[in-house]
Amino acid sequence: MAGKFSAAVSDWVRKTEIEQTRIVHSALRRLIEEATRPQSEGGHMPVETGSLRNSVAVSFAPVTYNFITKKFRDPSDAVNNAIANVEIGETVYIGFRAPYAHKAEAEFGFARLAAQRWPFIVKEAAQSKR
């Protein structure tokens, strides 16, 4: 009898960890979508060439500026791969590599306004099943 209970608890723990991981991954993707949403679509990010938007990065260390690259390419694959490697309890950094990102952030607030919505983004991620 104790073996069945132990197995049930172990199964519940495994399923809970899988669900927590799904929620964190979904919330991180939603946070990035929120931060990079163009002003033309109701967001706060100014988009002229798309380079600032494309300079978004996800890392396990603080994101640094890149002064060499002039035009950033679509980071979707790199962002999704980084998020896929995130485990519960890890610290993740989301930032922008364009050297002018800090000036644009100071003026438009796309990152800080998205970060302020984090509790709501997590709630939305928890309620969705995507």
C-alpha atoms as a PDB file:
ATOM      1  CA  MET A   1       0.000   0.000   0.000  1.00  0.00           C
ATOM      2  CA  ALA A   2       2.795   2.424   0.918  1.00  0.00           C
ATOM      3  CA  GLY A   3       4.470   1.663  -2.422  1.00  0.00           C
ATOM      4  CA  LYS A   4       1.381   2.795  -4.348  1.00  0.00           C
ATOM      5  CA  PHE A   5       1.145   6.007  -2.355  1.00  0.00           C
ATOM      6  CA  SER A   6       4.849   6.723  -2.845  1.00  0.00           C
ATOM      7  CA  ALA A   7       4.522   6.084  -6.577  1.00  0.00           C
ATOM      8  CA  ALA A   8       1.477   8.389  -6.758  1.00  0.00           C
ATOM      9  CA  VAL A   9       3.348  11.163  -4.947  1.00  0.00           C
ATOM     10  CA  SER A  10       6.393  10.721  -7.208  1.00  0.00           C
ATOM     11  CA  ASP A  11       4.159  10.891 -10.278  1.00  0.00           C
ATOM     12  CA  TRP A  12       2.453  14.043  -8.954  1.00  0.00           C
ATOM     13  CA  VAL A  13       5.852  15.681  -8.285  1.00  0.00           C
ATOM     14  CA  ARG A  14       7.051  14.846 -11.806  1.00  0.00           C
ATOM     15  CA  LYS A  15       3.880  16.245 -13.396  1.00  0.00           C
ATOM     16  CA  THR A  16       4.078  19.380 -11.241  1.00  0.00           C
ATOM     17  CA  GLU A  17       7.693  20.025 -12.261  1.00  0.00           C
ATOM     18  CA  ILE A  18       6.770  19.594 -15.923  1.00  0.00           C
ATOM     19  CA  GLU A  19       3.863  22.031 -15.562  1.00  0.00           C
ATOM     20  CA  GLN A  20       5.998  24.587 -13.678  1.00  0.00           C
ATOM     21  CA  THR A  21       8.617  24.416 -16.410  1.00  0.00           C
ATOM     22  CA  ARG A  22       5.959  24.887 -19.101  1.00  0.00           C
ATOM     23  CA  ILE A  23       4.612  27.940 -17.286  1.00  0.00           C
ATOM     24  CA  VAL A  24       8.062  29.510 -16.875  1.00  0.00           C
ATOM     25  CA  HIS A  25       8.948  28.921 -20.535  1.00  0.00           C
ATOM     26  CA  SER A  26       5.619  30.321 -21.710  1.00  0.00           C
ATOM     27  CA  ALA A  27       5.878  33.342 -19.391  1.00  0.00           C
ATOM     28  CA  LEU A  28       9.394  34.150 -20.619  1.00  0.00           C
ATOM     29  CA  ARG A  29       8.228  34.000 -24.241  1.00  0.00           C
ATOM     30  CA  ARG A  30       5.252  36.228 -23.411  1.00  0.00           C
ATOM     31  CA  LEU A  31       7.511  38.694 -21.588  1.00  0.00           C
ATOM     32  CA  ILE A  32       9.738  38.994 -24.643  1.00  0.00           C
ATOM     33  CA  GLU A  33       6.691  39.398 -26.891  1.00  0.00           C
ATOM     34  CA  GLU A  34       5.467  42.178 -24.599  1.00  0.00           C
ATOM     35  CA  ALA A  35       8.819  43.977 -24.476  1.00  0.00           C
ATOM     36  CA  THR A  36       9.348  43.788 -28.245  1.00  0.00           C
ATOM     37  CA  ARG A  37       5.791  44.640 -29.321  1.00  0.00           C
ATOM     38  CA  PRO A  38       6.051  47.595 -31.719  1.00  0.00           C
ATOM     39  CA  GLN A  39       4.270  50.838 -30.970  1.00  0.00           C
ATOM     40  CA  SER A  40       2.282  50.319 -34.179  1.00  0.00           C
ATOM     41  CA  GLU A  41       0.784  47.188 -32.575  1.00  0.00           C
ATOM     42  CA  GLY A  42       0.034  48.766 -29.191  1.00  0.00           C
ATOM     43  CA  GLY A  43       3.421  48.132 -27.592  1.00  0.00           C
ATOM     44  CA  HIS A  44       6.083  50.519 -26.402  1.00  0.00           C
ATOM     45  CA  MET A  45       9.032  49.601 -28.615  1.00  0.00           C
ATOM     46  CA  PRO A  46       9.931  52.051 -31.358  1.00  0.00           C
ATOM     47  CA  VAL A  47      10.638  50.186 -34.599  1.00  0.00           C
ATOM     48  CA  GLU A  48      12.388  51.904 -37.474  1.00  0.00           C
ATOM     49  CA  THR A  49      14.732  49.277 -38.881  1.00  0.00           C
ATOM     50  CA  GLY A  50      13.925  46.430 -36.476  1.00  0.00           C
ATOM     51  CA  SER A  51      17.507  46.203 -35.272  1.00  0.00           C
ATOM     52  CA  LEU A  52      16.684  47.117 -31.658  1.00  0.00           C
ATOM     53  CA  ARG A  53      13.857  44.610 -31.598  1.00  0.00           C
ATOM     54  CA  ASN A  54      16.097  41.948 -33.118  1.00  0.00           C
ATOM     55  CA  SER A  55      18.841  42.610 -30.577  1.00  0.00           C
ATOM     56  CA  VAL A  56      16.861  40.939 -27.770  1.00  0.00           C
ATOM     57  CA  ALA A  57      18.759  38.140 -26.065  1.00  0.00           C
ATOM     58  CA  VAL A  58      18.160  35.597 -23.313  1.00  0.00           C
ATOM     59  CA  SER A  59      21.122  34.503 -21.235  1.00  0.00           C
ATOM     60  CA  PHE A  60      22.180  32.990 -17.931  1.00  0.00           C
ATOM     61  CA  ALA A  61      24.526  35.968 -17.468  1.00  0.00           C
ATOM     62  CA  PRO A  62      23.778  39.670 -17.931  1.00  0.00           C
ATOM     63  CA  VAL A  63      23.277  40.561 -21.596  1.00  0.00           C
ATOM     64  CA  THR A  64      25.994  42.869 -22.913  1.00  0.00           C
ATOM     65  CA  TYR A  65      25.931  45.401 -25.699  1.00  0.00           C
ATOM     66  CA  ASN A  66      27.388  44.471 -29.059  1.00  0.00           C
ATOM     67  CA  PHE A  67      29.203  47.433 -30.609  1.00  0.00           C
ATOM     68  CA  ILE A  68      30.339  45.503 -33.701  1.00  0.00           C
ATOM     69  CA  THR A  69      27.031  44.351 -35.178  1.00  0.00           C
ATOM     70  CA  LYS A  70      25.204  47.128 -37.036  1.00  0.00           C
ATOM     71  CA  LYS A  71      22.064  45.215 -37.972  1.00  0.00           C
ATOM     72  CA  PHE A  72      20.766  42.376 -35.827  1.00  0.00           C
ATOM     73  CA  ARG A  73      18.998  39.417 -37.398  1.00  0.00           C
ATOM     74  CA  ASP A  74      15.834  37.707 -36.169  1.00  0.00           C
ATOM     75  CA  PRO A  75      16.782  36.156 -32.798  1.00  0.00           C
ATOM     76  CA  SER A  76      13.776  33.827 -32.529  1.00  0.00           C
ATOM     77  CA  ASP A  77      15.736  30.580 -32.755  1.00  0.00           C
ATOM     78  CA  ALA A  78      18.398  31.680 -30.269  1.00  0.00           C
ATOM     79  CA  VAL A  79      15.773  33.037 -27.854  1.00  0.00           C
ATOM     80  CA  ASN A  80      13.665  29.871 -28.056  1.00  0.00           C
ATOM     81  CA  ASN A  81      16.721  27.644 -27.584  1.00  0.00           C
ATOM     82  CA  ALA A  82      17.831  29.637 -24.542  1.00  0.00           C
ATOM     83  CA  ILE A  83      14.353  29.508 -23.010  1.00  0.00           C
ATOM     84  CA  ALA A  84      14.129  25.768 -23.657  1.00  0.00           C
ATOM     85  CA  ASN A  85      17.217  25.306 -21.454  1.00  0.00           C
ATOM     86  CA  VAL A  86      15.794  27.262 -18.515  1.00  0.00           C
ATOM     87  CA  GLU A  87      15.056  25.157 -15.457  1.00  0.00           C
ATOM     88  CA  ILE A  88      12.954  26.091 -12.440  1.00  0.00           C
ATOM     89  CA  GLY A  89      14.915  28.223  -9.984  1.00  0.00           C
ATOM     90  CA  GLU A  90      17.517  29.505 -12.446  1.00  0.00           C
ATOM     91  CA  THR A  91      18.184  33.190 -12.944  1.00  0.00           C
ATOM     92  CA  VAL A  92      17.608  34.314 -16.515  1.00  0.00           C
ATOM     93  CA  TYR A  93      18.560  37.641 -18.032  1.00  0.00           C
ATOM     94  CA  ILE A  94      16.675  39.240 -20.903  1.00  0.00           C
ATOM     95  CA  GLY A  95      18.285  42.247 -22.503  1.00  0.00           C
ATOM     96  CA  PHE A  96      19.042  44.064 -25.712  1.00  0.00           C
ATOM     97  CA  ARG A  97      22.443  43.967 -27.415  1.00  0.00           C
ATOM     98  CA  ALA A  98      22.031  47.135 -29.510  1.00  0.00           C
ATOM     99  CA  PRO A  99      24.343  49.810 -28.062  1.00  0.00           C
ATOM    100  CA  TYR A 100      21.563  52.398 -28.101  1.00  0.00           C
ATOM    101  CA  ALA A 101      19.081  50.152 -26.266  1.00  0.00           C
ATOM    102  CA  HIS A 102      19.561  51.935 -22.933  1.00  0.00           C
ATOM    103  CA  LYS A 103      18.709  55.302 -24.509  1.00  0.00           C
ATOM    104  CA  ALA A 104      15.622  53.889 -26.215  1.00  0.00           C
ATOM    105  CA  GLU A 105      14.581  52.189 -22.962  1.00  0.00           C
ATOM    106  CA  ALA A 106      14.950  55.456 -21.053  1.00  0.00           C
ATOM    107  CA  GLU A 107      12.727  57.224 -23.563  1.00  0.00           C
ATOM    108  CA  PHE A 108      10.097  54.563 -24.306  1.00  0.00           C
ATOM    109  CA  GLY A 109      10.231  52.116 -21.364  1.00  0.00           C
ATOM    110  CA  PHE A 110       9.520  48.982 -23.390  1.00  0.00           C
ATOM    111  CA  ALA A 111      11.513  46.688 -21.057  1.00  0.00           C
ATOM    112  CA  ARG A 112      10.492  48.129 -17.699  1.00  0.00           C
ATOM    113  CA  LEU A 113       6.831  48.337 -18.688  1.00  0.00           C
ATOM    114  CA  ALA A 114       6.895  44.692 -19.761  1.00  0.00           C
ATOM    115  CA  ALA A 115       8.680  43.723 -16.527  1.00  0.00           C
ATOM    116  CA  GLN A 116       5.996  45.468 -14.477  1.00  0.00           C
ATOM    117  CA  ARG A 117       3.464  43.119 -16.062  1.00  0.00           C
ATOM    118  CA  TRP A 118       5.416  39.972 -15.025  1.00  0.00           C
ATOM    119  CA  PRO A 119       2.865  38.776 -12.401  1.00  0.00           C
ATOM    120  CA  PHE A 120       0.050  39.078 -14.950  1.00  0.00           C
ATOM    121  CA  ILE A 121       2.125  37.420 -17.663  1.00  0.00           C
ATOM    122  CA  VAL A 122       2.820  34.448 -15.372  1.00  0.00           C
ATOM    123  CA  LYS A 123      -0.886  34.217 -14.513  1.00  0.00           C
ATOM    124  CA  GLU A 124      -1.800  34.230 -18.222  1.00  0.00           C
ATOM    125  CA  ALA A 125       0.817  31.553 -18.908  1.00  0.00           C
ATOM    126  CA  ALA A 126      -0.521  29.396 -16.074  1.00  0.00           C
ATOM    127  CA  GLN A 127      -4.078  29.689 -17.359  1.00  0.00           C
ATOM    128  CA  SER A 128      -3.187  28.857 -20.959  1.00  0.00           C
ATOM    129  CA  LYS A 129      -2.415  25.411 -22.258  1.00  0.00           C
ATOM    130  CA  ARG A 130      -0.220  26.347 -25.225  1.00  0.00           C
END
